[in-house]
Amino acid sequence: MSDRNGGRAHRDQIADNISRTTQDGYAISRNQMILNEIGLAAPIWGPDGRARAAVQCSVSSYRWDEDLLRGKVLPALLETANANSPMGQG
């Protein structure tokens, strides 16, 4: 039974992350593929208004924190994603 409850909690966390990403227009991940890595991604929108691809940047958490990443990298990442979106959405 604990596996089922753990699975539900994990699914709830994923749903929360998707909602936050949709609201913010970008996603931040931590230690997802590489230990001590922070990833930042922004969608490239298709002509139908759906995300079709993404622009992504990964940095070391030893040298960067999320606030610095949002302040220094996010504006350029969003600009790049929007420039590659046929609708220029973002």
Protein backbone atom coordinates (compact mmCIF):
# COMPACT_ATOMS: atom_id res chain seq x y z
CA MET A 1 0.00 0.00 0.00
CA SER A 2 2.79 2.47 0.72
CA ASP A 3 3.95 2.15 -2.91
CA ARG A 4 0.52 3.21 -4.10
CA ASN A 5 0.45 6.20 -1.79
CA GLY A 6 4.02 7.08 -2.73
CA GLY A 7 3.07 6.83 -6.38
CA ARG A 8 0.11 9.13 -5.87
CA ALA A 9 2.27 11.67 -4.04
CA HIS A 10 4.80 11.53 -6.89
CA ARG A 11 2.05 12.04 -9.50
CA ASP A 12 0.67 14.95 -7.47
CA GLN A 13 4.12 16.53 -7.36
CA ILE A 14 4.47 16.12 -11.15
CA ALA A 15 1.03 17.70 -11.67
CA ASP A 16 2.02 20.62 -9.41
CA ASN A 17 5.26 21.09 -11.38
CA ILE A 18 3.35 21.11 -14.68
CA SER A 19 0.87 23.67 -13.34
CA ARG A 20 3.66 25.92 -12.06
CA THR A 21 5.55 25.60 -15.36
CA THR A 22 2.43 26.47 -17.34
CA GLN A 23 1.79 29.51 -15.16
CA ASP A 24 5.42 30.72 -15.16
CA GLY A 25 6.14 30.00 -18.84
CA TYR A 26 9.38 28.19 -18.01
CA ALA A 27 10.63 25.25 -15.96
CA ILE A 28 13.47 24.82 -13.51
CA SER A 29 14.79 21.38 -12.58
CA ARG A 30 17.33 20.40 -9.97
CA ASN A 31 19.57 17.32 -9.96
CA GLN A 32 17.31 15.67 -12.54
CA MET A 33 19.97 14.23 -14.82
CA ILE A 34 23.24 15.27 -13.20
CA LEU A 35 23.98 15.82 -9.53
CA ASN A 36 24.43 19.53 -8.64
CA GLU A 37 22.89 20.67 -11.91
CA ILE A 38 20.13 23.25 -12.34
CA GLY A 39 18.25 23.16 -15.63
CA LEU A 40 16.14 25.96 -17.07
CA ALA A 41 13.84 25.46 -20.07
CA ALA A 42 11.35 27.57 -22.04
CA PRO A 43 8.90 26.31 -24.67
CA ILE A 44 9.00 27.00 -28.38
CA TRP A 45 5.37 27.38 -29.41
CA GLY A 46 3.95 25.90 -32.60
CA PRO A 47 1.52 27.75 -34.85
CA ASP A 48 -1.35 26.01 -33.06
CA GLY A 49 -0.32 27.53 -29.72
CA ARG A 50 1.02 24.25 -28.32
CA ALA A 51 4.59 23.75 -27.12
CA ARG A 52 6.47 21.83 -29.82
CA ALA A 53 10.07 22.10 -28.61
CA ALA A 54 12.11 23.85 -25.93
CA VAL A 55 15.27 25.84 -25.37
CA GLN A 56 17.22 24.54 -22.38
CA CYS A 57 20.27 25.59 -20.39
CA SER A 58 22.01 23.69 -17.59
CA VAL A 59 24.40 25.16 -15.05
CA SER A 60 26.32 24.00 -12.00
CA SER A 61 24.61 24.65 -8.69
CA TYR A 62 28.08 25.25 -7.24
CA ARG A 63 28.34 28.50 -9.22
CA TRP A 64 24.67 29.43 -9.76
CA ASP A 65 21.51 29.60 -7.71
CA GLU A 66 17.94 29.86 -8.97
CA ASP A 67 17.67 33.62 -8.38
CA LEU A 68 20.85 34.31 -10.35
CA LEU A 69 19.68 31.98 -13.11
CA ARG A 70 16.30 33.72 -13.31
CA GLY A 71 17.94 37.15 -13.38
CA LYS A 72 20.84 36.49 -15.79
CA VAL A 73 19.81 33.58 -18.03
CA LEU A 74 16.01 33.44 -18.11
CA PRO A 75 15.46 36.70 -20.06
CA ALA A 76 17.78 35.53 -22.88
CA LEU A 77 16.31 32.02 -22.82
CA LEU A 78 12.75 33.37 -23.14
CA GLU A 79 13.81 35.77 -25.90
CA THR A 80 15.45 32.89 -27.81
CA ALA A 81 12.40 30.67 -27.38
CA ASN A 82 10.03 33.44 -28.49
CA ALA A 83 12.20 34.27 -31.51
CA ASN A 84 11.92 30.65 -32.63
CA SER A 85 8.16 30.43 -32.08
CA PRO A 86 6.13 31.04 -35.25
CA MET A 87 3.53 32.92 -33.23
CA GLY A 88 6.07 34.80 -31.09
CA GLN A 89 4.20 33.66 -27.98
CA GLY A 90 5.62 33.41 -24.53
